[in-house]
């Protein structure tokens, strides 16, 4: 069984944050979603 799922994405990075959009095809339908993440800071 082939479990590959290629993604198309576009991200922008600013400091400790990145955000953008991604898309993939799943079950013959195109699925799009937003991505927004921030780097986790470790306590000293």
PDB file of N, CA and C in Angstrom:
ATOM      1  N   UNK A   1       0.850  -1.190   0.000  1.00  0.00           N
ATOM      2  CA  UNK A   1       0.000   0.000   0.000  1.00  0.00           C
ATOM      3  C   UNK A   1       0.887   1.242   0.000  1.00  0.00           C
ATOM      4  N   UNK A   2       0.572   2.171  -0.871  1.00  0.00           N
ATOM      5  CA  UNK A   2       1.347   3.407  -1.002  1.00  0.00           C
ATOM      6  C   UNK A   2       0.767   4.472  -0.075  1.00  0.00           C
ATOM      7  N   UNK A   3       1.553   4.929   0.902  1.00  0.00           N
ATOM      8  CA  UNK A   3       1.077   5.899   1.885  1.00  0.00           C
ATOM      9  C   UNK A   3       1.680   7.280   1.687  1.00  0.00           C
ATOM     10  N   UNK A   4       2.084   7.615   0.480  1.00  0.00           N
ATOM     11  CA  UNK A   4       2.670   8.931   0.246  1.00  0.00           C
ATOM     12  C   UNK A   4       1.578   9.985   0.124  1.00  0.00           C
ATOM     13  N   UNK A   5       1.846  11.164   0.697  1.00  0.00           N
ATOM     14  CA  UNK A   5       0.934  12.302   0.604  1.00  0.00           C
ATOM     15  C   UNK A   5       1.762  13.563   0.385  1.00  0.00           C
ATOM     16  N   UNK A   6       2.065  13.894  -0.863  1.00  0.00           N
ATOM     17  CA  UNK A   6       2.849  15.113  -1.094  1.00  0.00           C
ATOM     18  C   UNK A   6       2.050  16.359  -0.724  1.00  0.00           C
ATOM     19  N   UNK A   7       2.750  17.347  -0.150  1.00  0.00           N
ATOM     20  CA  UNK A   7       2.140  18.606   0.257  1.00  0.00           C
ATOM     21  C   UNK A   7       2.720  19.741  -0.561  1.00  0.00           C
ATOM     22  N   UNK A   8       1.873  20.680  -0.920  1.00  0.00           N
ATOM     23  CA  UNK A   8       2.313  21.960  -1.466  1.00  0.00           C
ATOM     24  C   UNK A   8       2.152  22.961  -0.330  1.00  0.00           C
ATOM     25  N   UNK A   9       3.176  23.760  -0.077  1.00  0.00           N
ATOM     26  CA  UNK A   9       3.074  24.701   1.025  1.00  0.00           C
ATOM     27  C   UNK A   9       3.842  25.978   0.718  1.00  0.00           C
ATOM     28  N   UNK A  10       3.430  27.027   1.398  1.00  0.00           N
ATOM     29  CA  UNK A  10       4.103  28.313   1.315  1.00  0.00           C
ATOM     30  C   UNK A  10       4.114  28.883   2.730  1.00  0.00           C
ATOM     31  N   UNK A  11       5.322  29.136   3.254  1.00  0.00           N
ATOM     32  CA  UNK A  11       5.475  29.610   4.621  1.00  0.00           C
ATOM     33  C   UNK A  11       6.296  30.891   4.657  1.00  0.00           C
ATOM     34  N   UNK A  12       6.023  31.710   5.640  1.00  0.00           N
ATOM     35  CA  UNK A  12       6.880  32.865   5.901  1.00  0.00           C
ATOM     36  C   UNK A  12       7.357  32.745   7.348  1.00  0.00           C
ATOM     37  N   UNK A  13       8.617  33.120   7.572  1.00  0.00           N
ATOM     38  CA  UNK A  13       9.235  33.011   8.890  1.00  0.00           C
ATOM     39  C   UNK A  13       9.626  34.397   9.360  1.00  0.00           C
ATOM     40  N   UNK A  14       9.237  34.718  10.595  1.00  0.00           N
ATOM     41  CA  UNK A  14       9.593  35.996  11.203  1.00  0.00           C
ATOM     42  C   UNK A  14       9.937  35.747  12.659  1.00  0.00           C
ATOM     43  N   UNK A  15      11.210  35.834  12.982  1.00  0.00           N
ATOM     44  CA  UNK A  15      11.647  35.607  14.361  1.00  0.00           C
ATOM     45  C   UNK A  15      11.368  34.188  14.805  1.00  0.00           C
ATOM     46  N   UNK A  16      10.586  34.020  15.867  1.00  0.00           N
ATOM     47  CA  UNK A  16      10.250  32.701  16.400  1.00  0.00           C
ATOM     48  C   UNK A  16       8.929  32.169  15.855  1.00  0.00           C
ATOM     49  N   UNK A  17       8.348  32.809  14.853  1.00  0.00           N
ATOM     50  CA  UNK A  17       7.042  32.404  14.333  1.00  0.00           C
ATOM     51  C   UNK A  17       7.122  32.076  12.850  1.00  0.00           C
ATOM     52  N   UNK A  18       6.283  31.151  12.415  1.00  0.00           N
ATOM     53  CA  UNK A  18       6.100  30.946  10.991  1.00  0.00           C
ATOM     54  C   UNK A  18       4.625  30.671  10.726  1.00  0.00           C
ATOM     55  N   UNK A  19       4.168  31.102   9.550  1.00  0.00           N
ATOM     56  CA  UNK A  19       2.793  30.855   9.179  1.00  0.00           C
ATOM     57  C   UNK A  19       2.679  30.788   7.666  1.00  0.00           C
ATOM     58  N   UNK A  20       1.604  30.169   7.224  1.00  0.00           N
ATOM     59  CA  UNK A  20       1.395  30.017   5.796  1.00  0.00           C
ATOM     60  C   UNK A  20       0.227  29.107   5.500  1.00  0.00           C
ATOM     61  N   UNK A  21       0.228  28.544   4.295  1.00  0.00           N
ATOM     62  CA  UNK A  21      -0.847  27.673   3.835  1.00  0.00           C
ATOM     63  C   UNK A  21      -0.251  26.402   3.257  1.00  0.00           C
ATOM     64  N   UNK A  22      -0.999  25.299   3.364  1.00  0.00           N
ATOM     65  CA  UNK A  22      -0.581  24.022   2.799  1.00  0.00           C
ATOM     66  C   UNK A  22      -1.778  23.366   2.121  1.00  0.00           C
ATOM     67  N   UNK A  23      -1.491  22.494   1.159  1.00  0.00           N
ATOM     68  CA  UNK A  23      -2.549  21.772   0.459  1.00  0.00           C
ATOM     69  C   UNK A  23      -2.036  20.389   0.072  1.00  0.00           C
ATOM     70  N   UNK A  24      -2.945  19.424   0.057  1.00  0.00           N
ATOM     71  CA  UNK A  24      -2.641  18.070  -0.373  1.00  0.00           C
ATOM     72  C   UNK A  24      -3.900  17.464  -0.958  1.00  0.00           C
ATOM     73  N   UNK A  25      -3.751  16.335  -1.621  1.00  0.00           N
ATOM     74  CA  UNK A  25      -4.917  15.641  -2.152  1.00  0.00           C
ATOM     75  C   UNK A  25      -5.123  14.379  -1.333  1.00  0.00           C
ATOM     76  N   UNK A  26      -6.352  14.191  -0.855  1.00  0.00           N
ATOM     77  CA  UNK A  26      -6.675  13.046  -0.002  1.00  0.00           C
ATOM     78  C   UNK A  26      -8.002  12.473  -0.460  1.00  0.00           C
ATOM     79  N   UNK A  27      -7.995  11.225  -0.860  1.00  0.00           N
ATOM     80  CA  UNK A  27      -9.232  10.583  -1.309  1.00  0.00           C
ATOM     81  C   UNK A  27      -9.813  11.224  -2.554  1.00  0.00           C
ATOM     82  N   UNK A  28      -8.944  11.775  -3.402  1.00  0.00           N
ATOM     83  CA  UNK A  28      -9.407  12.417  -4.625  1.00  0.00           C
ATOM     84  C   UNK A  28      -9.894  13.841  -4.445  1.00  0.00           C
ATOM     85  N   UNK A  29      -9.819  14.362  -3.222  1.00  0.00           N
ATOM     86  CA  UNK A  29     -10.250  15.737  -2.967  1.00  0.00           C
ATOM     87  C   UNK A  29      -9.074  16.563  -2.459  1.00  0.00           C
ATOM     88  N   UNK A  30      -9.008  17.800  -2.907  1.00  0.00           N
ATOM     89  CA  UNK A  30      -7.951  18.699  -2.454  1.00  0.00           C
ATOM     90  C   UNK A  30      -8.322  19.246  -1.080  1.00  0.00           C
ATOM     91  N   UNK A  31      -7.378  19.156  -0.149  1.00  0.00           N
ATOM     92  CA  UNK A  31      -7.576  19.638   1.212  1.00  0.00           C
ATOM     93  C   UNK A  31      -6.569  20.756   1.455  1.00  0.00           C
ATOM     94  N   UNK A  32      -7.053  21.910   1.892  1.00  0.00           N
ATOM     95  CA  UNK A  32      -6.189  23.056   2.178  1.00  0.00           C
ATOM     96  C   UNK A  32      -6.334  23.445   3.641  1.00  0.00           C
ATOM     97  N   UNK A  33      -5.235  23.913   4.236  1.00  0.00           N
ATOM     98  CA  UNK A  33      -5.299  24.352   5.619  1.00  0.00           C
ATOM     99  C   UNK A  33      -4.241  25.405   5.888  1.00  0.00           C
ATOM    100  N   UNK A  34      -4.489  26.198   6.938  1.00  0.00           N
ATOM    101  CA  UNK A  34      -3.568  27.239   7.387  1.00  0.00           C
ATOM    102  C   UNK A  34      -2.626  26.665   8.428  1.00  0.00           C
ATOM    103  N   UNK A  35      -1.404  27.185   8.454  1.00  0.00           N
ATOM    104  CA  UNK A  35      -0.402  26.772   9.433  1.00  0.00           C
ATOM    105  C   UNK A  35       0.083  28.021  10.157  1.00  0.00           C
ATOM    106  N   UNK A  36       0.138  27.951  11.483  1.00  0.00           N
ATOM    107  CA  UNK A  36       0.695  29.047  12.270  1.00  0.00           C
ATOM    108  C   UNK A  36       1.302  28.447  13.532  1.00  0.00           C
ATOM    109  N   UNK A  37       2.584  28.637  13.720  1.00  0.00           N
ATOM    110  CA  UNK A  37       3.288  28.056  14.861  1.00  0.00           C
ATOM    111  C   UNK A  37       4.286  29.047  15.439  1.00  0.00           C
ATOM    112  N   UNK A  38       4.606  28.830  16.710  1.00  0.00           N
ATOM    113  CA  UNK A  38       5.601  29.645  17.403  1.00  0.00           C
ATOM    114  C   UNK A  38       6.576  28.705  18.106  1.00  0.00           C
ATOM    115  N   UNK A  39       7.845  29.039  18.061  1.00  0.00           N
ATOM    116  CA  UNK A  39       8.871  28.224  18.731  1.00  0.00           C
ATOM    117  C   UNK A  39       8.629  28.221  20.231  1.00  0.00           C
ATOM    118  N   UNK A  40       8.733  27.040  20.812  1.00  0.00           N
ATOM    119  CA  UNK A  40       8.558  26.901  22.254  1.00  0.00           C
ATOM    120  C   UNK A  40       9.835  27.322  22.957  1.00  0.00           C
ATOM    121  N   UNK A  41       9.705  28.173  23.957  1.00  0.00           N
ATOM    122  CA  UNK A  41      10.875  28.610  24.721  1.00  0.00           C
ATOM    123  C   UNK A  41      11.092  27.676  25.895  1.00  0.00           C
ATOM    124  N   UNK A  42      12.334  27.272  26.105  1.00  0.00           N
ATOM    125  CA  UNK A  42      12.673  26.388  27.221  1.00  0.00           C
ATOM    126  C   UNK A  42      12.946  27.227  28.473  1.00  0.00           C
ATOM    127  N   UNK A  43      12.438  26.755  29.608  1.00  0.00           N
ATOM    128  CA  UNK A  43      12.714  27.425  30.879  1.00  0.00           C
ATOM    129  C   UNK A  43      14.141  27.119  31.299  1.00  0.00           C
ATOM    130  N   UNK A  44      14.804  28.115  31.862  1.00  0.00           N
ATOM    131  CA  UNK A  44      16.185  27.929  32.321  1.00  0.00           C
ATOM    132  C   UNK A  44      16.203  27.515  33.765  1.00  0.00           C
TER     133      UNK A  44
END
